Every structure is written in structure tokens, then in C-alpha cells.
Protein backbone atom coordinates (compact mmCIF):
# COMPACT_ATOMS: atom_id res chain seq x y z
CA MET A 1 75.19 102.88 69.80
CA SER A 2 77.01 104.70 66.96
CA GLY A 3 74.13 106.19 64.99
CA ARG A 4 71.70 103.41 65.57
CA ASN A 5 68.22 104.21 66.65
CA PRO A 6 68.04 102.87 70.24
CA LEU A 7 64.27 102.27 69.82
CA ASP A 8 64.75 99.90 66.80
CA GLY A 9 61.95 101.33 64.70
CA ARG A 10 59.59 101.87 67.72
CA SER A 11 58.37 105.28 68.71
CA ARG A 12 57.93 106.90 72.06
CA ASN A 13 54.49 108.23 73.04
CA GLU A 14 55.19 111.76 74.22
CA ALA A 15 52.27 111.90 76.66
CA THR A 16 53.09 108.68 78.52
CA GLY A 17 56.69 108.07 77.57
CA ARG A 18 55.76 104.52 76.58
CA ILE A 19 57.48 102.92 73.64
CA ARG A 20 55.28 101.45 70.99
CA GLN A 21 55.52 99.67 67.63
CA ASP A 22 52.74 100.69 65.32
CA ARG A 23 51.01 97.83 63.52
CA SER A 24 50.99 97.57 59.79
CA ASP A 25 47.15 97.35 59.75
CA THR A 26 46.82 100.78 61.54
CA THR A 27 44.88 103.07 59.23
CA VAL A 28 45.99 106.57 58.25
CA GLY A 29 42.72 107.88 59.83
CA SER A 30 43.74 106.40 63.21
CA ILE A 31 47.25 107.93 62.92
CA ARG A 32 45.68 111.29 62.13
CA GLU A 33 43.93 111.24 65.45
CA GLU A 34 47.32 111.71 67.05
CA ILE A 35 49.13 113.43 64.20
CA PRO A 36 46.56 115.52 62.33
CA ASP A 37 48.85 116.49 59.33
CA PHE A 38 50.02 112.88 58.73
CA ALA A 39 50.10 111.90 55.01
CA PRO A 40 47.96 114.67 53.44
CA GLY A 41 46.33 113.53 50.24
CA VAL A 42 46.33 109.88 51.34
CA ARG A 43 43.00 108.12 51.95
CA SER A 44 42.13 107.67 55.60
CA ASP A 45 41.49 103.97 55.06
CA ALA A 46 44.96 103.34 53.67
CA THR A 47 47.10 101.25 56.02
CA LEU A 48 50.46 102.01 57.51
CA GLY A 49 51.68 98.73 55.99
CA HIS A 50 50.81 99.95 52.51
CA LEU A 51 52.56 103.29 53.05
CA ARG A 52 55.61 101.36 54.35
CA GLU A 53 55.60 99.28 51.16
CA ILE A 54 55.38 102.27 48.84
CA THR A 55 57.97 104.37 50.64
CA GLY A 56 60.40 101.64 51.78
CA GLU A 57 60.45 103.13 55.22
CA THR A 58 59.43 101.55 58.54
CA ALA A 59 59.22 104.34 61.20
CA ILE A 60 56.16 106.58 60.97
CA HIS A 61 58.22 109.79 60.93
CA HIS A 62 60.31 108.36 57.98
CA VAL A 63 57.18 107.37 56.14
CA ALA A 64 55.76 110.82 56.60
CA ALA A 65 58.99 112.42 55.43
CA ALA A 66 59.09 110.23 52.36
CA LEU A 67 55.50 111.10 51.43
CA ARG A 68 56.38 114.82 51.67
CA ARG A 69 59.35 114.52 49.28
CA PRO A 70 58.76 115.82 45.77
CA LYS A 71 58.34 113.02 43.27
CA GLY A 72 60.69 113.09 40.41
């Protein structure tokens, strides 16, 4: 595997163990139902696809990390 994510950009639901790929049209509000502190300061009607475009990231945890980074 050598450093590659074995889930290929998908994430594992901790409750069920199921692997899922979040859709680009998923809203921030929907994500916050599972992850309450996701993307603070971002409108709840913004889409995951839009956040992926502005951050250049694909995985939700990478998008969240990129949004927390100081801008500069």
C-alpha cells in the first residue's frame, strides 16, 4: 500500500463500519448533523463540492483541515 489511502477518498462510518463516498451535492448543514463542528463560518447551504473546489481537497477530513488553516 505504501502510504496510499486504502479507502481511495472514501470514509468509514464509525457507527456501522460501512464505507461511503460523500456526494458533492451534500450540504454543509447535512454534514454538521454528523460532525457538528464541520466548517465553522461556512453557510449551511454550501455544498461539499464547492468546498472541494475552493480547498483543492477531496476527503471530508482534508477539506475540514484546509478550512481551519490560517489564510495567508
